[in-house]
Amino acid sequence: MARPLFKLAFERSPARIRLTALVLVGLFAAIAVRLVMFGFNPAEPRAASRGQAQTLRPDIVDRNGVLLAKDLKAFSVYAEPRRVVDVDEAAEGLAGMFEDLDLNDLRRKLTSGSGFAWIKRSIPPSTADRVWSLGLAGIHLRPEPIRIYPNGAAAAHILGAVDIDNKGLSGIEKWIDATLGTGSGELSRGQAPVQRDDRAVRLSIELRIQHLYAEHLRRAVETYGAVAAAGLVLDVTNGEVLALVSLPDFDPNDPGLALHPDRINRIHVGRYEMGSIYKALTTALALDTELFTLRSTFDVSRPLTIGSASIDDFRGKKRVLTLSESFIYSSNIAMGRMALTIGAPRLRAFLKTLGQFDRIRTELTESSAPIVPSRWSNVTTATVAFGHGIAVTPLQAAMAVAALVNGGDLITPTFIAGRGIDERLRAEAVISPATAKAMRDLMRLNVEAGSARRASLDPIRIGGKTGTSEKVVGGTYSKEKVMTFFVGVAPIDAPRFLFLTILDEPRGRPETFGFRTSGWNAAPVTRQVMGESLPLLGVHPWTATAQ
């Protein structure tokens, strides 16, 4: 057989050369496949050297499943300065795409010689495609979800916010990280089960009521010239919070605004002397001890004098009042006399049982401890009886009033829908059934003939208690600045919902005859809110009649 005249060089190569050639062919084939994949998915980023892409946070929805917070797909631009080939091209290209980037600052980052530098965080996929199309060596994309809140400021103080790395900073967002773990469907050991719809955290909030309460409070701030306002709707049967508004508020899509000191959560963090709201607590204790009855009388014709201190009524009746009249006319003198008869030890013990001496713990980690008197003189005992000398969060006060009308169960509030009350039941039978009924009757009488007449919502039978307190300015009580409160309960014959309205520094108006007390502002505002909210909650005139 004749030999070929020529041989290919490959055929004459040693075996190791053949192996090297095969490896190179495989390598080029892999590169080709990868390039094809990039062609079909140009925005697919290279994994960042600082870790893998973040997992998604669960959605947050209201009690009806309406979306409150969600993660959307986004990307962040980062550089590996050591791998940037043309610094000027990269800096000019990126600066031209993102107007908020400084060209000189970009050059400094890209010439730093470091292995990693952020360029731009949280950009949409369409913008990421444009960055990718620039084809800049050493410039990469990292998938990073962005948290969005489609309802803006609605329920912001409950939802909280996340940081640039999508970690919870406050509110329910922070609770999710601590309890569920970001993107996790499992609960941490020791945590109570949470109802979720397809990984969504379902809050107790009713978004429609949240919106309308906020709108009425904004109008009230303008109408009465107040500097701030707040509102709460609480289910007294299970402690679920259906609405919490605190104005001024903030948009969690721009969480930096939340740091402003006037944007605190006034319901959960603010501490205030609740004024005559505390008269409901004092009256309940007076009746429960059986030291007094509804027909007990008090001479309020003259101020109550304790040493050098003198306690008087605001526009008092200057006559003998029954206990019922003392409640509906909001007599400081009568409440002071009740408290002195009951005694400081029993008053302190009752307030502690009602959770007024301890920081309230809910899913929101932002809370404040109450300011409680360090020593209890007779003057302290008398003034605490009508809500002066002790400062609590409005949520604490609402929790206590809820116990007075729901039959005596003290339940820690919750912002999670469907959460059982066993773990949140702080005390049972804090007052007797007879006292609870008497308190419901007194609150109803107060709306019919007392300081809360402007909250009347007939034919729906509601009950309520007004409260006005002077603000402490520079260590002394101001005669010019007050806070007003109103607690409304509906339906009062079978209590279900508690509404609490707060106005900070309201002013007297011609239509209020110059008065700035709660009965002239907080009470009518609450009436408007209840009138629109109760039908949404299933409370109608035909379901709210006397039992």
Protein backbone atom coordinates (compact mmCIF):
# COMPACT_ATOMS: atom_id res chain seq x y z
CA MET A 1 0.00 0.00 0.00
CA ALA A 2 1.40 3.33 -1.00
CA ARG A 3 2.14 5.87 1.71
CA PRO A 4 0.62 9.36 1.47
CA LEU A 5 3.01 12.02 0.29
CA PHE A 6 1.99 14.42 3.08
CA LYS A 7 0.86 14.13 6.76
CA LEU A 8 -1.06 16.69 8.77
CA ALA A 9 0.93 18.27 11.60
CA PHE A 10 -1.78 17.21 14.08
CA GLU A 11 -1.28 13.57 13.10
CA ARG A 12 2.42 13.85 13.71
CA SER A 13 1.88 15.60 17.17
CA PRO A 14 2.51 13.83 20.42
CA ALA A 15 -0.47 12.69 22.52
CA ARG A 16 -0.22 15.58 24.96
CA ILE A 17 -0.63 18.08 22.17
CA ARG A 18 -3.75 16.27 21.04
CA LEU A 19 -5.15 16.44 24.59
CA THR A 20 -4.40 20.16 24.84
CA ALA A 21 -6.17 20.80 21.59
CA LEU A 22 -9.26 18.93 22.78
CA VAL A 23 -9.36 20.97 26.01
CA LEU A 24 -9.14 24.22 24.05
CA VAL A 25 -11.96 23.13 21.77
CA GLY A 26 -14.14 22.32 24.79
CA LEU A 27 -13.33 25.65 26.42
CA PHE A 28 -14.27 27.63 23.33
CA ALA A 29 -17.47 25.61 23.02
CA ALA A 30 -18.44 26.46 26.61
CA ILE A 31 -17.76 30.14 25.99
CA ALA A 32 -19.92 30.03 22.88
CA VAL A 33 -22.80 28.43 24.78
CA ARG A 34 -22.52 31.04 27.52
CA LEU A 35 -22.57 33.86 24.97
CA VAL A 36 -25.72 32.43 23.44
CA MET A 37 -27.34 32.32 26.89
CA PHE A 38 -26.43 35.96 27.47
CA GLY A 39 -27.98 36.77 24.13
CA PHE A 40 -31.32 35.35 25.24
CA ASN A 41 -31.12 36.97 28.70
CA PRO A 42 -28.99 40.10 28.38
CA ALA A 43 -29.90 41.44 31.83
CA GLU A 44 -28.72 38.35 33.66
CA PRO A 45 -25.99 39.73 35.91
CA ARG A 46 -22.81 38.18 37.04
CA ALA A 47 -22.91 37.20 40.73
CA ALA A 48 -21.43 39.91 42.93
CA SER A 49 -18.26 39.17 44.80
CA ARG A 50 -20.01 40.37 47.99
CA GLY A 51 -22.46 37.46 48.17
CA GLN A 52 -25.39 35.96 46.34
CA ALA A 53 -28.59 37.77 45.36
CA GLN A 54 -31.04 38.39 48.17
CA THR A 55 -34.12 36.30 48.74
CA LEU A 56 -37.54 37.89 48.45
CA ARG A 57 -39.45 39.17 51.45
CA PRO A 58 -43.03 37.95 51.90
CA ASP A 59 -45.82 40.19 50.71
CA ILE A 60 -47.80 42.10 53.33
CA VAL A 61 -51.56 42.37 52.89
CA ASP A 62 -54.41 43.82 54.92
CA ARG A 63 -57.07 41.67 56.59
CA ASN A 64 -58.97 41.47 53.27
CA GLY A 65 -55.94 40.53 51.19
CA VAL A 66 -55.28 43.99 49.76
CA LEU A 67 -51.59 44.40 48.96
CA LEU A 68 -49.63 46.68 51.32
CA ALA A 69 -46.00 45.77 50.55
CA LYS A 70 -44.25 43.70 47.88
CA ASP A 71 -40.80 42.97 46.47
CA LEU A 72 -40.23 43.75 42.80
CA LYS A 73 -37.36 42.59 40.60
CA ALA A 74 -34.58 45.16 40.42
CA PHE A 75 -30.83 45.32 39.92
CA SER A 76 -27.86 47.18 41.33
CA VAL A 77 -24.79 48.29 39.37
CA TYR A 78 -21.36 47.59 40.81
CA ALA A 79 -17.80 47.78 39.57
CA GLU A 80 -14.64 45.76 39.93
CA PRO A 81 -12.21 48.67 39.54
CA ARG A 82 -9.22 46.39 38.95
CA ARG A 83 -10.95 44.94 35.89
CA VAL A 84 -12.09 48.24 34.36
CA VAL A 85 -10.21 48.60 31.06
CA ASP A 86 -11.20 52.14 30.05
CA VAL A 87 -11.99 54.32 33.08
CA ASP A 88 -13.05 57.36 31.06
CA GLU A 89 -15.42 55.35 28.87
CA ALA A 90 -16.99 53.64 31.88
CA ALA A 91 -17.35 56.84 33.92
CA GLU A 92 -18.82 58.86 31.06
CA GLY A 93 -21.19 56.07 30.05
CA LEU A 94 -22.56 55.59 33.57
CA ALA A 95 -22.76 59.31 34.33
CA GLY A 96 -24.68 59.83 31.12
CA MET A 97 -27.18 57.15 32.10
CA PHE A 98 -27.65 58.21 35.74
CA GLU A 99 -27.90 61.99 36.07
CA ASP A 100 -27.50 61.90 39.86
CA LEU A 101 -24.01 60.37 39.61
CA ASP A 102 -21.02 62.71 39.76
CA LEU A 103 -18.47 62.13 37.01
CA ASN A 104 -15.45 62.94 39.19
CA ASP A 105 -16.72 60.69 41.97
CA LEU A 106 -17.17 57.86 39.47
CA ARG A 107 -13.59 58.27 38.25
CA ARG A 108 -12.32 58.10 41.82
CA LYS A 109 -14.21 54.85 42.41
CA LEU A 110 -13.09 53.27 39.16
CA THR A 111 -9.43 54.12 39.72
CA SER A 112 -9.36 53.06 43.38
CA GLY A 113 -7.82 49.70 42.59
CA SER A 114 -10.27 47.96 44.93
CA GLY A 115 -12.07 44.77 44.14
CA PHE A 116 -15.62 46.10 44.60
CA ALA A 117 -17.52 49.41 44.51
CA TRP A 118 -21.22 50.17 44.34
CA ILE A 119 -22.23 52.43 41.46
CA LYS A 120 -26.04 52.58 41.57
CA ARG A 121 -28.54 50.69 43.73
CA SER A 122 -32.04 49.47 42.87
CA ILE A 123 -32.64 50.13 39.19
CA PRO A 124 -35.50 48.58 37.15
CA PRO A 125 -34.85 45.76 34.66
CA SER A 126 -35.28 48.10 31.67
CA THR A 127 -32.47 50.33 32.94
CA ALA A 128 -30.38 47.25 33.70
CA ASP A 129 -30.71 46.24 30.03
CA ARG A 130 -29.33 49.63 29.00
CA VAL A 131 -26.37 49.28 31.38
CA TRP A 132 -25.66 45.85 30.00
CA SER A 133 -25.80 47.12 26.43
CA LEU A 134 -22.97 49.57 27.19
CA GLY A 135 -20.62 46.57 27.26
CA LEU A 136 -18.31 48.09 29.87
CA ALA A 137 -15.58 45.80 31.11
CA GLY A 138 -15.52 45.56 34.91
CA ILE A 139 -19.09 46.89 35.30
CA HIS A 140 -21.64 44.33 36.44
CA LEU A 141 -25.24 43.92 37.56
CA ARG A 142 -26.52 42.23 40.69
CA PRO A 143 -30.19 41.20 41.14
CA GLU A 144 -31.58 42.96 44.23
CA PRO A 145 -35.31 43.10 44.97
CA ILE A 146 -36.77 46.50 45.75
CA ARG A 147 -39.57 46.89 48.32
CA ILE A 148 -42.55 48.93 47.20
CA TYR A 149 -45.57 50.17 49.14
CA PRO A 150 -48.39 50.77 46.64
CA ASN A 151 -50.54 52.74 49.10
CA GLY A 152 -47.89 55.30 49.95
CA ALA A 153 -48.17 56.63 53.49
CA ALA A 154 -51.19 54.49 54.40
CA ALA A 155 -50.38 52.43 57.52
CA ALA A 156 -46.74 53.55 57.31
CA HIS A 157 -46.23 53.49 61.09
CA ILE A 158 -47.40 49.89 61.15
CA LEU A 159 -45.57 48.63 58.07
CA GLY A 160 -42.30 50.35 58.92
CA ALA A 161 -39.61 50.38 56.24
CA VAL A 162 -36.59 48.52 54.87
CA ASP A 163 -33.04 49.70 54.19
CA ILE A 164 -31.19 49.68 50.89
CA ASP A 165 -30.32 46.01 51.44
CA ASN A 166 -34.03 45.14 51.89
CA LYS A 167 -33.68 44.47 55.62
CA GLY A 168 -36.41 45.55 57.99
CA LEU A 169 -35.72 48.78 59.86
CA SER A 170 -38.93 49.17 61.82
CA GLY A 171 -42.54 48.12 62.17
CA ILE A 172 -43.86 44.88 60.74
CA GLU A 173 -40.92 44.78 58.32
CA LYS A 174 -38.51 44.45 61.23
CA TRP A 175 -40.81 41.90 62.90
CA ILE A 176 -40.79 39.79 59.72
CA ASP A 177 -36.99 39.53 59.82
CA ALA A 178 -36.97 38.63 63.51
CA THR A 179 -39.88 36.20 63.40
CA LEU A 180 -40.15 34.73 59.92
CA GLY A 181 -36.73 35.49 58.50
CA THR A 182 -36.45 37.31 55.18
CA GLY A 183 -38.07 35.22 52.51
CA SER A 184 -38.66 32.32 54.88
CA GLY A 185 -41.92 30.49 55.18
CA GLU A 186 -41.05 28.96 58.53
CA LEU A 187 -41.43 30.41 61.99
CA SER A 188 -38.62 30.70 64.49
CA ARG A 189 -38.84 28.44 67.50
CA GLY A 190 -41.12 29.78 70.19
CA GLN A 191 -43.05 32.10 67.89
CA ALA A 192 -46.81 31.91 67.51
CA PRO A 193 -48.27 30.83 64.17
CA VAL A 194 -49.11 33.60 61.73
CA GLN A 195 -51.81 33.44 59.08
CA ARG A 196 -50.38 33.88 55.60
CA ASP A 197 -51.94 33.75 52.15
CA ASP A 198 -49.38 32.21 49.78
CA ARG A 199 -46.46 33.48 51.87
CA ALA A 200 -48.15 36.83 52.51
CA VAL A 201 -48.25 38.20 56.05
CA ARG A 202 -51.86 39.18 56.69
CA LEU A 203 -52.27 42.15 58.99
CA SER A 204 -55.30 42.98 61.09
CA ILE A 205 -55.51 46.39 59.37
CA GLU A 206 -58.60 47.27 57.34
CA LEU A 207 -57.16 49.50 54.62
CA ARG A 208 -60.44 51.27 53.82
CA ILE A 209 -60.84 52.38 57.43
CA GLN A 210 -57.16 53.31 57.60
CA HIS A 211 -57.62 55.61 54.62
CA LEU A 212 -60.81 57.30 55.82
CA TYR A 213 -59.51 57.83 59.37
CA ALA A 214 -56.37 59.47 57.98
CA GLU A 215 -58.44 61.71 55.73
CA HIS A 216 -60.70 62.87 58.59
CA LEU A 217 -57.69 63.57 60.78
CA ARG A 218 -56.04 65.65 58.08
CA ARG A 219 -59.19 67.73 57.83
CA ALA A 220 -59.31 68.04 61.63
CA VAL A 221 -55.71 69.29 61.77
CA GLU A 222 -56.62 71.99 59.27
CA THR A 223 -60.00 72.83 60.82
CA TYR A 224 -58.78 73.13 64.40
CA GLY A 225 -55.26 74.36 63.70
CA ALA A 226 -53.70 71.35 65.44
CA VAL A 227 -50.02 70.52 65.04
CA ALA A 228 -50.58 66.75 64.91
CA ALA A 229 -53.25 64.09 65.22
CA ALA A 230 -53.64 60.35 65.70
CA GLY A 231 -56.34 57.70 65.55
CA LEU A 232 -56.85 54.06 66.50
CA VAL A 233 -59.50 51.42 65.85
CA LEU A 234 -59.30 48.39 68.15
CA ASP A 235 -61.42 45.23 68.27
CA VAL A 236 -62.11 44.95 72.01
CA THR A 237 -63.00 41.26 71.75
CA ASN A 238 -59.62 40.06 70.47
CA GLY A 239 -57.23 43.02 70.55
CA GLU A 240 -56.80 43.27 66.77
CA VAL A 241 -55.85 46.75 65.55
CA LEU A 242 -57.95 47.66 62.51
CA ALA A 243 -56.45 51.10 61.93
CA LEU A 244 -53.61 53.20 63.33
CA VAL A 245 -52.99 56.70 62.02
CA SER A 246 -50.35 59.14 63.21
CA LEU A 247 -49.95 62.53 61.54
CA PRO A 248 -47.60 63.83 60.27
CA ASP A 249 -46.83 60.50 58.62
CA PHE A 250 -44.27 59.40 56.03
CA ASP A 251 -44.07 57.39 52.83
CA PRO A 252 -42.18 54.10 53.42
CA ASN A 253 -41.07 54.27 49.78
CA ASP A 254 -38.86 57.12 51.06
CA PRO A 255 -38.02 55.89 54.59
CA GLY A 256 -35.62 58.74 55.33
CA LEU A 257 -38.64 60.90 56.20
CA ALA A 258 -39.46 58.59 59.10
CA LEU A 259 -36.43 59.89 60.99
CA HIS A 260 -37.97 63.33 61.46
CA PRO A 261 -38.89 63.73 65.17
CA ASP A 262 -42.44 64.88 64.47
CA ARG A 263 -43.22 61.65 62.58
CA ILE A 264 -43.19 59.30 65.54
CA ASN A 265 -45.93 56.74 66.02
CA ARG A 266 -48.07 58.75 68.44
CA ILE A 267 -50.28 55.77 69.29
CA HIS A 268 -47.51 53.28 70.08
CA VAL A 269 -44.52 55.45 70.99
CA GLY A 270 -45.89 58.80 72.17
CA ARG A 271 -46.45 59.18 75.93
CA TYR A 272 -49.14 61.52 77.12
CA GLU A 273 -51.16 62.41 80.14
CA MET A 274 -54.49 61.06 78.94
CA GLY A 275 -56.58 63.46 81.01
CA SER A 276 -60.18 62.50 81.70
CA ILE A 277 -59.86 59.21 79.81
CA TYR A 278 -58.36 57.98 83.09
CA LYS A 279 -61.59 58.89 84.89
CA ALA A 280 -63.08 55.76 83.34
CA LEU A 281 -60.42 53.67 85.09
CA THR A 282 -60.90 55.45 88.43
CA THR A 283 -64.68 55.13 88.25
CA ALA A 284 -64.45 51.42 87.42
CA LEU A 285 -62.21 50.84 90.44
CA ALA A 286 -64.51 52.87 92.69
CA LEU A 287 -67.50 50.75 91.71
CA ASP A 288 -65.61 47.46 91.77
CA THR A 289 -64.38 47.99 95.34
CA GLU A 290 -68.04 48.54 96.33
CA LEU A 291 -66.93 51.59 98.28
CA PHE A 292 -69.16 53.61 95.95
CA THR A 293 -72.33 53.13 93.93
CA LEU A 294 -73.79 55.05 91.03
CA ARG A 295 -75.83 57.03 93.58
CA SER A 296 -72.89 58.00 95.80
CA THR A 297 -72.56 61.77 96.11
CA PHE A 298 -69.69 64.24 96.10
CA ASP A 299 -69.72 67.90 97.06
CA VAL A 300 -67.90 69.70 94.27
CA SER A 301 -69.07 73.19 95.19
CA ARG A 302 -65.56 74.05 96.40
CA PRO A 303 -62.10 72.96 95.23
CA LEU A 304 -60.47 69.91 96.80
CA THR A 305 -57.62 71.15 98.97
CA ILE A 306 -54.68 68.86 99.80
CA GLY A 307 -52.01 70.71 101.74
CA SER A 308 -51.03 73.66 99.60
CA ALA A 309 -52.50 72.11 96.44
CA SER A 310 -55.97 72.94 95.18
CA ILE A 311 -57.91 70.81 92.65
CA ASP A 312 -60.86 72.36 90.84
CA ASP A 313 -63.21 71.47 87.98
CA PHE A 314 -63.17 73.01 84.51
CA ARG A 315 -66.51 74.78 84.22
CA GLY A 316 -67.72 72.83 87.26
CA LYS A 317 -71.33 72.47 88.38
CA LYS A 318 -70.53 73.84 91.87
CA ARG A 319 -73.01 71.58 93.64
CA VAL A 320 -73.40 68.04 94.95
CA LEU A 321 -73.04 65.45 92.17
CA THR A 322 -73.83 61.74 92.08
CA LEU A 323 -71.12 59.39 90.86
CA SER A 324 -72.91 59.15 87.51
CA GLU A 325 -73.00 62.93 87.19
CA SER A 326 -69.37 63.17 88.26
CA PHE A 327 -68.48 60.90 85.32
CA ILE A 328 -70.53 62.62 82.64
CA TYR A 329 -69.60 66.13 83.80
CA SER A 330 -65.97 65.00 84.17
CA SER A 331 -65.39 66.28 87.71
CA ASN A 332 -61.76 66.39 88.85
CA ILE A 333 -62.85 67.05 92.42
CA ALA A 334 -65.06 63.96 92.59
CA MET A 335 -62.39 61.73 91.06
CA GLY A 336 -59.80 63.01 93.53
CA ARG A 337 -62.13 62.28 96.44
CA MET A 338 -62.81 58.77 95.12
CA ALA A 339 -59.10 58.02 94.77
CA LEU A 340 -58.25 59.29 98.25
CA THR A 341 -60.97 57.09 99.72
CA ILE A 342 -59.82 54.06 97.76
CA GLY A 343 -56.21 54.70 98.74
CA ALA A 344 -52.96 54.85 96.79
CA PRO A 345 -52.05 51.12 97.18
CA ARG A 346 -55.30 49.91 95.61
CA LEU A 347 -55.17 52.54 92.87
CA ARG A 348 -51.58 51.59 91.97
CA ALA A 349 -52.38 47.89 92.00
CA PHE A 350 -55.39 48.40 89.72
CA LEU A 351 -53.47 50.50 87.23
CA LYS A 352 -50.67 47.94 87.18
CA THR A 353 -53.19 45.15 86.54
CA LEU A 354 -54.49 47.19 83.62
CA GLY A 355 -50.99 47.34 82.13
CA GLN A 356 -50.42 51.04 82.77
CA PHE A 357 -47.05 50.66 84.51
CA ASP A 358 -45.27 48.49 81.93
CA ARG A 359 -44.06 48.96 78.37
CA ILE A 360 -46.58 47.43 75.98
CA ARG A 361 -45.16 44.70 73.73
CA THR A 362 -46.64 44.08 70.30
CA GLU A 363 -45.22 43.11 66.91
CA LEU A 364 -43.98 46.69 66.60
CA THR A 365 -40.68 46.92 68.46
CA GLU A 366 -40.88 50.72 68.63
CA SER A 367 -42.62 51.45 71.94
CA SER A 368 -42.15 53.57 75.04
CA ALA A 369 -42.25 52.81 78.74
CA PRO A 370 -44.83 54.84 80.68
CA ILE A 371 -43.78 57.69 82.95
CA VAL A 372 -45.02 56.68 86.39
CA PRO A 373 -44.71 58.78 89.59
CA SER A 374 -41.76 57.71 91.74
CA ARG A 375 -43.58 58.60 94.95
CA TRP A 376 -47.29 58.64 95.61
CA SER A 377 -48.39 61.45 97.86
CA ASN A 378 -52.04 62.27 98.40
CA VAL A 379 -51.77 64.91 95.70
CA THR A 380 -50.34 62.31 93.29
CA THR A 381 -53.14 59.88 94.09
CA ALA A 382 -55.79 62.54 93.49
CA THR A 383 -54.31 63.86 90.23
CA VAL A 384 -53.58 60.45 88.70
CA ALA A 385 -57.29 59.70 89.24
CA PHE A 386 -58.13 62.24 86.53
CA GLY A 387 -55.20 61.51 84.25
CA HIS A 388 -52.51 63.95 85.36
CA GLY A 389 -49.10 63.00 86.70
CA ILE A 390 -48.84 59.74 84.73
CA ALA A 391 -48.01 59.48 81.02
CA VAL A 392 -48.73 56.37 78.96
CA THR A 393 -48.95 55.46 75.30
CA PRO A 394 -52.46 55.85 73.85
CA LEU A 395 -52.40 52.16 72.95
CA GLN A 396 -51.97 51.32 76.64
CA ALA A 397 -54.90 53.50 77.62
CA ALA A 398 -57.05 52.00 74.85
CA MET A 399 -56.17 48.49 75.99
CA ALA A 400 -57.32 49.34 79.53
CA VAL A 401 -60.61 50.93 78.40
CA ALA A 402 -61.25 47.90 76.17
CA ALA A 403 -61.01 45.68 79.25
CA LEU A 404 -63.58 47.84 81.05
CA VAL A 405 -66.19 47.37 78.32
CA ASN A 406 -65.51 43.84 77.03
CA GLY A 407 -66.34 42.18 80.33
CA GLY A 408 -62.96 42.41 82.06
CA ASP A 409 -60.39 40.74 79.77
CA LEU A 410 -57.12 42.63 79.36
CA ILE A 411 -55.74 41.66 75.93
CA THR A 412 -52.45 42.85 74.46
CA PRO A 413 -53.20 44.39 71.04
CA THR A 414 -51.91 42.74 67.87
CA PHE A 415 -51.34 43.83 64.28
CA ILE A 416 -51.57 40.29 62.86
CA ALA A 417 -54.94 38.97 61.70
CA GLY A 418 -56.23 35.77 63.24
CA ARG A 419 -53.67 35.57 66.02
CA GLY A 420 -55.01 33.68 69.02
CA ILE A 421 -55.63 35.59 72.23
CA ASP A 422 -54.41 32.94 74.70
CA GLU A 423 -50.79 34.14 74.58
CA ARG A 424 -51.95 37.78 74.70
CA LEU A 425 -54.47 37.52 77.52
CA ARG A 426 -52.74 39.50 80.26
CA ALA A 427 -55.50 39.27 82.86
CA GLU A 428 -59.04 38.02 83.17
CA ALA A 429 -61.90 39.55 85.15
CA VAL A 430 -60.05 42.76 85.99
CA ILE A 431 -63.49 44.05 86.98
CA SER A 432 -66.75 42.26 87.77
CA PRO A 433 -69.48 41.80 85.12
CA ALA A 434 -71.67 44.21 87.10
CA THR A 435 -68.98 46.89 87.00
CA ALA A 436 -68.41 46.31 83.28
CA LYS A 437 -72.11 46.83 82.61
CA ALA A 438 -72.15 49.96 84.75
CA MET A 439 -69.23 51.38 82.79
CA ARG A 440 -70.99 50.71 79.49
CA ASP A 441 -74.10 52.46 80.85
CA LEU A 442 -72.06 55.44 82.04
CA MET A 443 -70.29 55.79 78.69
CA ARG A 444 -73.65 55.66 76.93
CA LEU A 445 -75.07 58.27 79.32
CA ASN A 446 -72.06 60.48 78.63
CA VAL A 447 -72.95 60.52 74.92
CA GLU A 448 -76.62 61.15 75.63
CA ALA A 449 -76.27 63.92 78.20
CA GLY A 450 -72.63 64.55 79.10
CA SER A 451 -69.41 65.90 77.65
CA ALA A 452 -69.59 63.56 74.63
CA ARG A 453 -72.93 64.72 73.24
CA ARG A 454 -71.33 65.82 69.96
CA ALA A 455 -70.23 62.23 69.36
CA SER A 456 -73.81 60.92 69.27
CA LEU A 457 -74.43 58.64 66.30
CA ASP A 458 -78.05 57.67 66.84
CA PRO A 459 -79.69 55.35 65.96
CA ILE A 460 -76.42 53.44 66.43
CA ARG A 461 -75.89 53.40 70.19
CA ILE A 462 -72.34 54.32 71.05
CA GLY A 463 -70.63 55.20 74.31
CA GLY A 464 -67.64 57.35 74.96
CA LYS A 465 -65.38 59.41 77.20
CA THR A 466 -63.75 62.75 76.49
CA GLY A 467 -60.36 63.83 77.76
CA THR A 468 -58.36 67.07 77.73
CA SER A 469 -54.94 67.59 79.27
CA GLU A 470 -52.60 70.55 79.47
CA LYS A 471 -49.26 69.93 77.80
CA VAL A 472 -46.08 70.12 79.82
CA VAL A 473 -43.83 72.82 78.36
CA GLY A 474 -40.52 73.62 80.00
CA GLY A 475 -41.37 71.52 83.04
CA THR A 476 -44.68 73.27 83.78
CA TYR A 477 -48.26 72.87 82.59
CA SER A 478 -49.11 75.24 79.77
CA LYS A 479 -52.37 77.16 79.89
CA GLU A 480 -52.17 77.74 76.13
CA LYS A 481 -51.43 74.25 74.76
CA VAL A 482 -53.63 71.21 75.30
CA MET A 483 -54.11 67.72 73.92
CA THR A 484 -57.61 66.38 73.42
CA PHE A 485 -58.73 62.75 73.39
CA PHE A 486 -61.94 60.91 72.74
CA VAL A 487 -62.66 57.20 73.16
CA GLY A 488 -65.79 55.91 71.45
CA VAL A 489 -67.13 52.36 71.76
CA ALA A 490 -69.68 50.73 69.43
CA PRO A 491 -72.13 49.19 69.75
CA ILE A 492 -72.12 50.05 73.44
CA ASP A 493 -74.64 47.37 74.43
CA ALA A 494 -72.44 44.62 72.98
CA PRO A 495 -69.03 46.29 72.53
CA ARG A 496 -66.94 45.32 69.56
CA PHE A 497 -64.95 48.33 68.34
CA LEU A 498 -63.08 51.09 70.16
CA PHE A 499 -62.15 54.32 68.38
CA LEU A 500 -59.56 56.68 69.86
CA THR A 501 -58.94 60.16 68.41
CA ILE A 502 -56.14 62.50 69.50
CA LEU A 503 -55.62 66.15 68.51
CA ASP A 504 -52.40 67.90 69.53
CA GLU A 505 -52.73 71.60 70.32
CA PRO A 506 -56.14 72.26 68.76
CA ARG A 507 -57.32 75.85 68.87
CA GLY A 508 -60.67 77.32 69.68
CA ARG A 509 -62.74 78.34 66.68
CA PRO A 510 -65.78 80.61 66.25
CA GLU A 511 -67.90 77.54 65.57
CA THR A 512 -66.70 76.03 68.88
CA PHE A 513 -67.36 79.34 70.69
CA GLY A 514 -63.65 79.56 71.40
CA PHE A 515 -63.54 76.24 73.29
CA ARG A 516 -60.74 73.79 72.52
CA THR A 517 -61.69 70.90 74.82
CA SER A 518 -62.28 67.37 73.55
CA GLY A 519 -66.06 67.60 73.38
CA TRP A 520 -65.74 70.34 70.74
CA ASN A 521 -63.14 68.72 68.46
CA ALA A 522 -61.99 65.13 69.10
CA ALA A 523 -65.53 63.92 69.84
CA PRO A 524 -67.20 65.19 66.62
CA VAL A 525 -64.24 64.01 64.53
CA THR A 526 -64.65 60.52 65.98
CA ARG A 527 -68.36 60.65 65.26
CA GLN A 528 -67.61 61.26 61.58
CA VAL A 529 -65.08 58.43 61.45
CA MET A 530 -67.40 55.99 63.23
CA GLY A 531 -70.32 56.94 60.99
CA GLU A 532 -68.36 55.91 57.88
CA SER A 533 -66.43 53.00 59.41
CA LEU A 534 -69.07 51.06 61.32
CA PRO A 535 -71.09 50.00 58.25
CA LEU A 536 -67.87 48.65 56.73
CA LEU A 537 -67.41 46.62 59.91
CA GLY A 538 -70.92 45.22 59.80
CA VAL A 539 -72.40 47.50 62.48
CA HIS A 540 -75.72 48.99 61.36
CA PRO A 541 -78.62 50.57 63.27
CA TRP A 542 -80.51 47.28 63.22
CA THR A 543 -77.52 45.42 64.72
CA ALA A 544 -76.64 48.04 67.34
CA THR A 545 -79.80 48.36 69.41
CA ALA A 546 -80.06 47.86 73.15
CA GLN A 547 -79.87 44.25 74.31
